[in-house]
PDB file of N, CA and C in Angstrom:
ATOM      1  N   MET A   1     231.665 207.197 152.448  1.00  0.00           N
ATOM      2  CA  MET A   1     231.867 206.630 153.763  1.00  0.00           C
ATOM      3  C   MET A   1     231.499 205.141 153.775  1.00  0.00           C
ATOM      4  N   TRP A   2     230.305 204.809 153.225  1.00  0.00           N
ATOM      5  CA  TRP A   2     229.879 203.412 153.204  1.00  0.00           C
ATOM      6  C   TRP A   2     230.790 202.570 152.318  1.00  0.00           C
ATOM      7  N   LEU A   3     231.279 203.185 151.277  1.00  0.00           N
ATOM      8  CA  LEU A   3     232.178 202.470 150.386  1.00  0.00           C
ATOM      9  C   LEU A   3     233.465 202.074 151.108  1.00  0.00           C
ATOM     10  N   LEU A   4     233.959 202.959 151.932  1.00  0.00           N
ATOM     11  CA  LEU A   4     235.165 202.670 152.709  1.00  0.00           C
ATOM     12  C   LEU A   4     234.927 201.533 153.692  1.00  0.00           C
ATOM     13  N   VAL A   5     233.768 201.517 154.329  1.00  0.00           N
ATOM     14  CA  VAL A   5     233.412 200.454 155.280  1.00  0.00           C
ATOM     15  C   VAL A   5     233.322 199.108 154.555  1.00  0.00           C
ATOM     16  N   VAL A   6     232.698 199.083 153.405  1.00  0.00           N
ATOM     17  CA  VAL A   6     232.560 197.837 152.639  1.00  0.00           C
ATOM     18  C   VAL A   6     233.936 197.338 152.203  1.00  0.00           C
ATOM     19  N   VAL A   7     234.790 198.236 151.739  1.00  0.00           N
ATOM     20  CA  VAL A   7     236.133 197.847 151.315  1.00  0.00           C
ATOM     21  C   VAL A   7     236.929 197.291 152.492  1.00  0.00           C
ATOM     22  N   LEU A   8     236.837 197.913 153.668  1.00  0.00           N
ATOM     23  CA  LEU A   8     237.550 197.423 154.844  1.00  0.00           C
ATOM     24  C   LEU A   8     237.030 196.053 155.289  1.00  0.00           C
ATOM     25  N   ILE A   9     235.738 195.873 155.252  1.00  0.00           N
ATOM     26  CA  ILE A   9     235.159 194.581 155.647  1.00  0.00           C
ATOM     27  C   ILE A   9     235.629 193.483 154.695  1.00  0.00           C
ATOM     28  N   VAL A  10     235.587 193.760 153.395  1.00  0.00           N
ATOM     29  CA  VAL A  10     236.044 192.769 152.419  1.00  0.00           C
ATOM     30  C   VAL A  10     237.530 192.491 152.615  1.00  0.00           C
ATOM     31  N   ALA A  11     238.315 193.532 152.847  1.00  0.00           N
ATOM     32  CA  ALA A  11     239.755 193.359 153.038  1.00  0.00           C
ATOM     33  C   ALA A  11     240.055 192.546 154.287  1.00  0.00           C
ATOM     34  N   LEU A  12     239.276 192.696 155.342  1.00  0.00           N
ATOM     35  CA  LEU A  12     239.486 191.920 156.561  1.00  0.00           C
ATOM     36  C   LEU A  12     238.949 190.498 156.451  1.00  0.00           C
ATOM     37  N   MET A  13     237.939 190.273 155.626  1.00  0.00           N
ATOM     38  CA  MET A  13     237.357 188.937 155.485  1.00  0.00           C
ATOM     39  C   MET A  13     238.299 187.985 154.753  1.00  0.00           C
ATOM     40  N   ILE A  14     239.135 188.496 153.882  1.00  0.00           N
ATOM     41  CA  ILE A  14     240.044 187.634 153.121  1.00  0.00           C
ATOM     42  C   ILE A  14     241.009 186.886 154.042  1.00  0.00           C
ATOM     43  N   PRO A  15     241.748 187.560 154.928  1.00  0.00           N
ATOM     44  CA  PRO A  15     242.647 186.787 155.807  1.00  0.00           C
ATOM     45  C   PRO A  15     241.895 185.930 156.827  1.00  0.00           C
ATOM     46  N   ILE A  16     240.756 186.413 157.301  1.00  0.00           N
ATOM     47  CA  ILE A  16     239.967 185.615 158.252  1.00  0.00           C
ATOM     48  C   ILE A  16     239.506 184.324 157.591  1.00  0.00           C
ATOM     49  N   THR A  17     239.033 184.411 156.358  1.00  0.00           N
ATOM     50  CA  THR A  17     238.597 183.220 155.624  1.00  0.00           C
ATOM     51  C   THR A  17     239.766 182.266 155.399  1.00  0.00           C
ATOM     52  N   ALA A  18     240.923 182.813 155.050  1.00  0.00           N
ATOM     53  CA  ALA A  18     242.095 181.956 154.826  1.00  0.00           C
ATOM     54  C   ALA A  18     242.497 181.233 156.107  1.00  0.00           C
ATOM     55  N   ILE A  19     242.459 181.908 157.217  1.00  0.00           N
ATOM     56  CA  ILE A  19     242.815 181.295 158.500  1.00  0.00           C
ATOM     57  C   ILE A  19     241.823 180.190 158.857  1.00  0.00           C
ATOM     58  N   LEU A  20     240.536 180.451 158.663  1.00  0.00           N
ATOM     59  CA  LEU A  20     239.523 179.452 158.985  1.00  0.00           C
ATOM     60  C   LEU A  20     239.619 178.228 158.075  1.00  0.00           C
ATOM     61  N   LEU A  21     239.874 178.446 156.797  1.00  0.00           N
ATOM     62  CA  LEU A  21     239.951 177.318 155.874  1.00  0.00           C
ATOM     63  C   LEU A  21     241.177 176.458 156.124  1.00  0.00           C
ATOM     64  N   ASP A  22     242.236 177.045 156.642  1.00  0.00           N
ATOM     65  CA  ASP A  22     243.457 176.296 156.897  1.00  0.00           C
ATOM     66  C   ASP A  22     243.447 175.616 158.267  1.00  0.00           C
ATOM     67  N   SER A  23     242.453 175.899 159.076  1.00  0.00           N
ATOM     68  CA  SER A  23     242.381 175.324 160.414  1.00  0.00           C
ATOM     69  C   SER A  23     241.832 173.893 160.351  1.00  0.00           C
ATOM     70  N   PRO A  24     241.974 173.114 161.401  1.00  0.00           N
ATOM     71  CA  PRO A  24     241.393 171.756 161.431  1.00  0.00           C
ATOM     72  C   PRO A  24     239.878 171.776 161.233  1.00  0.00           C
ATOM     73  N   LEU A  25     239.222 172.801 161.756  1.00  0.00           N
ATOM     74  CA  LEU A  25     237.775 172.908 161.565  1.00  0.00           C
ATOM     75  C   LEU A  25     237.448 173.087 160.088  1.00  0.00           C
ATOM     76  N   GLY A  26     238.212 173.910 159.407  1.00  0.00           N
ATOM     77  CA  GLY A  26     237.991 174.116 157.974  1.00  0.00           C
ATOM     78  C   GLY A  26     238.234 172.852 157.175  1.00  0.00           C
ATOM     79  N   ARG A  27     239.271 172.102 157.545  1.00  0.00           N
ATOM     80  CA  ARG A  27     239.554 170.843 156.847  1.00  0.00           C
ATOM     81  C   ARG A  27     238.443 169.818 157.082  1.00  0.00           C
ATOM     82  N   SER A  28     237.927 169.791 158.312  1.00  0.00           N
ATOM     83  CA  SER A  28     236.826 168.873 158.618  1.00  0.00           C
ATOM     84  C   SER A  28     235.593 169.210 157.794  1.00  0.00           C
ATOM     85  N   ILE A  29     235.282 170.477 157.692  1.00  0.00           N
ATOM     86  CA  ILE A  29     234.129 170.904 156.895  1.00  0.00           C
ATOM     87  C   ILE A  29     234.358 170.548 155.428  1.00  0.00           C
ATOM     88  N   ALA A  30     235.575 170.741 154.944  1.00  0.00           N
ATOM     89  CA  ALA A  30     235.875 170.409 153.550  1.00  0.00           C
ATOM     90  C   ALA A  30     235.699 168.913 153.286  1.00  0.00           C
ATOM     91  N   ARG A  31     236.157 168.066 154.227  1.00  0.00           N
ATOM     92  CA  ARG A  31     235.983 166.618 154.066  1.00  0.00           C
ATOM     93  C   ARG A  31     234.516 166.241 154.018  1.00  0.00           C
ATOM     94  N   ARG A  32     233.723 166.850 154.871  1.00  0.00           N
ATOM     95  CA  ARG A  32     232.291 166.542 154.870  1.00  0.00           C
ATOM     96  C   ARG A  32     231.631 166.990 153.582  1.00  0.00           C
ATOM     97  N   LEU A  33     232.052 168.135 153.072  1.00  0.00           N
ATOM     98  CA  LEU A  33     231.494 168.613 151.812  1.00  0.00           C
ATOM     99  C   LEU A  33     231.889 167.715 150.652  1.00  0.00           C
ATOM    100  N   GLU A  34     233.063 167.120 150.714  1.00  0.00           N
ATOM    101  CA  GLU A  34     233.507 166.199 149.680  1.00  0.00           C
ATOM    102  C   GLU A  34     232.824 164.851 149.793  1.00  0.00           C
ATOM    103  N   GLY A  35     232.156 164.583 150.898  1.00  0.00           N
ATOM    104  CA  GLY A  35     231.447 163.324 151.064  1.00  0.00           C
ATOM    105  C   GLY A  35     232.272 162.236 151.709  1.00  0.00           C
ATOM    106  N   GLN A  36     233.401 162.577 152.297  1.00  0.00           N
ATOM    107  CA  GLN A  36     234.239 161.574 152.928  1.00  0.00           C
ATOM    108  C   GLN A  36     233.894 161.391 154.396  1.00  0.00           C
ATOM    109  N   GLY A  37     232.971 162.129 154.911  1.00  0.00           N
ATOM    110  CA  GLY A  37     232.576 161.987 156.316  1.00  0.00           C
ATOM    111  C   GLY A  37     233.684 162.437 157.232  1.00  0.00           C
ATOM    112  N   ASP A  38     233.861 161.704 158.318  1.00  0.00           N
ATOM    113  CA  ASP A  38     234.885 162.085 159.295  1.00  0.00           C
ATOM    114  C   ASP A  38     236.218 161.402 159.037  1.00  0.00           C
ATOM    115  N   GLY A  39     236.350 160.775 157.886  1.00  0.00           N
ATOM    116  CA  GLY A  39     237.629 160.177 157.515  1.00  0.00           C
ATOM    117  C   GLY A  39     237.847 158.787 158.082  1.00  0.00           C
ATOM    118  N   THR A  40     236.804 158.113 158.557  1.00  0.00           N
ATOM    119  CA  THR A  40     236.966 156.785 159.154  1.00  0.00           C
ATOM    120  C   THR A  40     236.732 155.676 158.145  1.00  0.00           C
ATOM    121  N   GLY A  41     236.779 155.996 156.870  1.00  0.00           N
ATOM    122  CA  GLY A  41     236.643 154.954 155.858  1.00  0.00           C
ATOM    123  C   GLY A  41     235.237 154.779 155.340  1.00  0.00           C
ATOM    124  N   SER A  42     234.439 155.823 155.314  1.00  0.00           N
ATOM    125  CA  SER A  42     233.085 155.679 154.789  1.00  0.00           C
ATOM    126  C   SER A  42     233.122 155.357 153.302  1.00  0.00           C
ATOM    127  N   GLY A  43     234.150 155.821 152.599  1.00  0.00           N
ATOM    128  CA  GLY A  43     234.302 155.474 151.192  1.00  0.00           C
ATOM    129  C   GLY A  43     234.552 153.992 151.020  1.00  0.00           C
ATOM    130  N   VAL A  44     235.338 153.420 151.928  1.00  0.00           N
ATOM    131  CA  VAL A  44     235.611 151.980 151.881  1.00  0.00           C
ATOM    132  C   VAL A  44     234.329 151.208 152.164  1.00  0.00           C
ATOM    133  N   ARG A  45     233.538 151.682 153.118  1.00  0.00           N
ATOM    134  CA  ARG A  45     232.269 151.008 153.430  1.00  0.00           C
ATOM    135  C   ARG A  45     231.330 151.053 152.230  1.00  0.00           C
ATOM    136  N   GLN A  46     231.293 152.177 151.542  1.00  0.00           N
ATOM    137  CA  GLN A  46     230.444 152.275 150.357  1.00  0.00           C
ATOM    138  C   GLN A  46     230.888 151.280 149.295  1.00  0.00           C
ATOM    139  N   LEU A  47     232.194 151.149 149.105  1.00  0.00           N
ATOM    140  CA  LEU A  47     232.702 150.194 148.128  1.00  0.00           C
ATOM    141  C   LEU A  47     232.375 148.761 148.544  1.00  0.00           C
ATOM    142  N   GLU A  48     232.453 148.462 149.842  1.00  0.00           N
ATOM    143  CA  GLU A  48     232.103 147.122 150.312  1.00  0.00           C
ATOM    144  C   GLU A  48     230.646 146.805 150.022  1.00  0.00           C
ATOM    145  N   HIS A  49     229.771 147.768 150.244  1.00  0.00           N
ATOM    146  CA  HIS A  49     228.345 147.548 149.956  1.00  0.00           C
ATOM    147  C   HIS A  49     228.117 147.334 148.463  1.00  0.00           C
ATOM    148  N   ARG A  50     228.822 148.096 147.647  1.00  0.00           N
ATOM    149  CA  ARG A  50     228.666 147.935 146.202  1.00  0.00           C
ATOM    150  C   ARG A  50     229.173 146.573 145.752  1.00  0.00           C
ATOM    151  N   VAL A  51     230.295 146.117 146.322  1.00  0.00           N
ATOM    152  CA  VAL A  51     230.837 144.802 145.965  1.00  0.00           C
ATOM    153  C   VAL A  51     229.863 143.711 146.385  1.00  0.00           C
ATOM    154  N   GLU A  52     229.292 143.824 147.576  1.00  0.00           N
ATOM    155  CA  GLU A  52     228.313 142.832 148.035  1.00  0.00           C
ATOM    156  C   GLU A  52     227.109 142.786 147.107  1.00  0.00           C
ATOM    157  N   ALA A  53     226.631 143.952 146.679  1.00  0.00           N
ATOM    158  CA  ALA A  53     225.488 143.998 145.768  1.00  0.00           C
ATOM    159  C   ALA A  53     225.845 143.359 144.428  1.00  0.00           C
ATOM    160  N   LEU A  54     227.046 143.623 143.938  1.00  0.00           N
ATOM    161  CA  LEU A  54     227.477 143.026 142.675  1.00  0.00           C
ATOM    162  C   LEU A  54     227.630 141.514 142.792  1.00  0.00           C
ATOM    163  N   GLU A  55     228.140 141.038 143.933  1.00  0.00           N
ATOM    164  CA  GLU A  55     228.274 139.592 144.125  1.00  0.00           C
ATOM    165  C   GLU A  55     226.906 138.921 144.164  1.00  0.00           C
ATOM    166  N   THR A  56     225.938 139.559 144.809  1.00  0.00           N
ATOM    167  CA  THR A  56     224.582 139.015 144.852  1.00  0.00           C
ATOM    168  C   THR A  56     223.983 138.954 143.454  1.00  0.00           C
ATOM    169  N   ASP A  57     224.169 140.022 142.689  1.00  0.00           N
ATOM    170  CA  ASP A  57     223.668 140.036 141.311  1.00  0.00           C
ATOM    171  C   ASP A  57     224.341 138.952 140.474  1.00  0.00           C
ATOM    172  N   LEU A  58     225.632 138.745 140.688  1.00  0.00           N
ATOM    173  CA  LEU A  58     226.365 137.723 139.940  1.00  0.00           C
ATOM    174  C   LEU A  58     225.844 136.327 140.262  1.00  0.00           C
ATOM    175  N   GLU A  59     225.557 136.073 141.542  1.00  0.00           N
ATOM    176  CA  GLU A  59     225.007 134.766 141.920  1.00  0.00           C
ATOM    177  C   GLU A  59     223.646 134.537 141.262  1.00  0.00           C
ATOM    178  N   GLU A  60     222.803 135.566 141.229  1.00  0.00           N
ATOM    179  CA  GLU A  60     221.497 135.443 140.583  1.00  0.00           C
ATOM    180  C   GLU A  60     221.650 135.172 139.091  1.00  0.00           C
ATOM    181  N   LEU A  61     222.595 135.863 138.448  1.00  0.00           N
ATOM    182  CA  LEU A  61     222.835 135.635 137.023  1.00  0.00           C
ATOM    183  C   LEU A  61     223.341 134.220 136.767  1.00  0.00           C
ATOM    184  N   ASN A  62     224.207 133.718 137.631  1.00  0.00           N
ATOM    185  CA  ASN A  62     224.710 132.344 137.465  1.00  0.00           C
ATOM    186  C   ASN A  62     223.580 131.332 137.587  1.00  0.00           C
ATOM    187  N   ARG A  63     222.679 131.546 138.557  1.00  0.00           N
ATOM    188  CA  ARG A  63     221.531 130.636 138.687  1.00  0.00           C
ATOM    189  C   ARG A  63     220.640 130.704 137.453  1.00  0.00           C
ATOM    190  N   SER A  64     220.421 131.903 136.955  1.00  0.00           N
ATOM    191  CA  SER A  64     219.588 132.082 135.772  1.00  0.00           C
ATOM    192  C   SER A  64     220.213 131.410 134.554  1.00  0.00           C
ATOM    193  N   ILE A  65     221.526 131.560 134.398  1.00  0.00           N
ATOM    194  CA  ILE A  65     222.229 130.930 133.272  1.00  0.00           C
ATOM    195  C   ILE A  65     222.152 129.408 133.390  1.00  0.00           C
ATOM    196  N   ALA A  66     222.294 128.883 134.598  1.00  0.00           N
ATOM    197  CA  ALA A  66     222.201 127.428 134.786  1.00  0.00           C
ATOM    198  C   ALA A  66     220.813 126.933 134.401  1.00  0.00           C
ATOM    199  N   GLY A  67     219.773 127.663 134.773  1.00  0.00           N
ATOM    200  CA  GLY A  67     218.418 127.281 134.399  1.00  0.00           C
ATOM    201  C   GLY A  67     218.215 127.328 132.894  1.00  0.00           C
ATOM    202  N   MET A  68     218.741 128.354 132.274  1.00  0.00           N
ATOM    203  CA  MET A  68     218.621 128.454 130.808  1.00  0.00           C
ATOM    204  C   MET A  68     219.376 127.334 130.118  1.00  0.00           C
ATOM    205  N   ARG A  69     220.530 126.962 130.674  1.00  0.00           N
ATOM    206  CA  ARG A  69     221.326 125.877 130.091  1.00  0.00           C
ATOM    207  C   ARG A  69     220.529 124.566 130.146  1.00  0.00           C
ATOM    208  N   GLU A  70     219.878 124.306 131.273  1.00  0.00           N
ATOM    209  CA  GLU A  70     219.065 123.089 131.393  1.00  0.00           C
ATOM    210  C   GLU A  70     217.899 123.107 130.407  1.00  0.00           C
ATOM    211  N   GLU A  71     217.251 124.257 130.263  1.00  0.00           N
ATOM    212  CA  GLU A  71     216.149 124.358 129.311  1.00  0.00           C
ATOM    213  C   GLU A  71     216.632 124.146 127.883  1.00  0.00           C
ATOM    214  N   LEU A  72     217.791 124.697 127.554  1.00  0.00           N
ATOM    215  CA  LEU A  72     218.341 124.533 126.215  1.00  0.00           C
ATOM    216  C   LEU A  72     218.673 123.070 125.939  1.00  0.00           C
ATOM    217  N   GLN A  73     219.251 122.382 126.918  1.00  0.00           N
ATOM    218  CA  GLN A  73     219.569 120.964 126.740  1.00  0.00           C
ATOM    219  C   GLN A  73     218.294 120.152 126.536  1.00  0.00           C
ATOM    220  N   PHE A  74     217.246 120.482 127.262  1.00  0.00           N
ATOM    221  CA  PHE A  74     215.968 119.782 127.109  1.00  0.00           C
ATOM    222  C   PHE A  74     215.418 119.983 125.699  1.00  0.00           C
ATOM    223  N   VAL A  75     215.436 121.213 125.222  1.00  0.00           N
ATOM    224  CA  VAL A  75     214.922 121.501 123.877  1.00  0.00           C
ATOM    225  C   VAL A  75     215.791 120.814 122.830  1.00  0.00           C
ATOM    226  N   GLN A  76     217.104 120.786 123.014  1.00  0.00           N
ATOM    227  CA  GLN A  76     217.978 120.108 122.061  1.00  0.00           C
ATOM    228  C   GLN A  76     217.688 118.613 122.008  1.00  0.00           C
ATOM    229  N   ARG A  77     217.432 118.003 123.174  1.00  0.00           N
ATOM    230  CA  ARG A  77     217.084 116.577 123.185  1.00  0.00           C
ATOM    231  C   ARG A  77     215.775 116.334 122.452  1.00  0.00           C
ATOM    232  N   LEU A  78     214.811 117.239 122.622  1.00  0.00           N
ATOM    233  CA  LEU A  78     213.541 117.090 121.906  1.00  0.00           C
ATOM    234  C   LEU A  78     213.728 117.223 120.405  1.00  0.00           C
ATOM    235  N   LEU A  79     214.572 118.139 119.982  1.00  0.00           N
ATOM    236  CA  LEU A  79     214.781 118.357 118.548  1.00  0.00           C
ATOM    237  C   LEU A  79     215.618 117.253 117.913  1.00  0.00           C
ATOM    238  N   GLU A  80     216.528 116.652 118.652  1.00  0.00           N
ATOM    239  CA  GLU A  80     217.390 115.607 118.101  1.00  0.00           C
ATOM    240  C   GLU A  80     216.627 114.331 117.793  1.00  0.00           C
ATOM    241  N   ASP A  81     215.725 113.933 118.666  1.00  0.00           N
ATOM    242  CA  ASP A  81     215.022 112.667 118.471  1.00  0.00           C
ATOM    243  C   ASP A  81     213.556 112.831 118.880  1.00  0.00           C
ATOM    244  N   PRO A  82     212.767 113.475 118.039  1.00  0.00           N
ATOM    245  CA  PRO A  82     211.366 113.683 118.419  1.00  0.00           C
ATOM    246  C   PRO A  82     210.547 112.397 118.433  1.00  0.00           C
ATOM    247  N   GLY A  83     210.985 111.341 117.737  1.00  0.00           N
ATOM    248  CA  GLY A  83     210.229 110.096 117.683  1.00  0.00           C
ATOM    249  C   GLY A  83     210.181 109.389 119.036  1.00  0.00           C
ATOM    250  N   LYS A  84     211.215 109.497 119.823  1.00  0.00           N
ATOM    251  CA  LYS A  84     211.242 108.838 121.133  1.00  0.00           C
ATOM    252  C   LYS A  84     210.304 109.497 122.122  1.00  0.00           C
ATOM    253  N   ARG A  85     210.028 110.750 121.933  1.00  0.00           N
ATOM    254  CA  ARG A  85     209.228 111.506 122.897  1.00  0.00           C
ATOM    255  C   ARG A  85     207.727 111.387 122.654  1.00  0.00           C
ATOM    256  N   LYS A  86     207.321 110.910 121.449  1.00  0.00           N
ATOM    257  CA  LYS A  86     205.883 110.822 121.160  1.00  0.00           C
ATOM    258  C   LYS A  86     205.273 109.650 121.902  1.00  0.00           C
ATOM    259  N   PRO A  87     204.147 109.904 122.544  1.00  0.00           N
ATOM    260  CA  PRO A  87     203.490 108.792 123.252  1.00  0.00           C
ATOM    261  C   PRO A  87     202.851 107.810 122.255  1.00  0.00           C
ATOM    262  N   SER A  88     202.954 106.517 122.527  1.00  0.00           N
ATOM    263  CA  SER A  88     202.358 105.489 121.683  1.00  0.00           C
ATOM    264  C   SER A  88     201.018 105.088 122.240  1.00  0.00           C
ATOM    265  N   HIS A  89     200.015 105.017 121.351  1.00  0.00           N
ATOM    266  CA  HIS A  89     198.663 104.603 121.784  1.00  0.00           C
ATOM    267  C   HIS A  89     198.329 103.263 121.278  1.00  0.00           C
TER     268      HIS A  89
END
């Protein structure tokens, strides 16, 4: 008897689940589970934030490279003509 009840419940749950998943509510839940939110472009916003972070990092790297370039030029000038840099007493 219980086996028949379980089989009937499972048999009825299959079409009910299919109907719910195909409904707008099911699609909305699926989008949220996929991480797309309500479909208003949250993925685009995430990409914009990542691009902004990358641009900031790039600016910092450019400043760092410019500083290193100046230091390298200073050291090269010292190595090219060390006699000019020595103080005379």
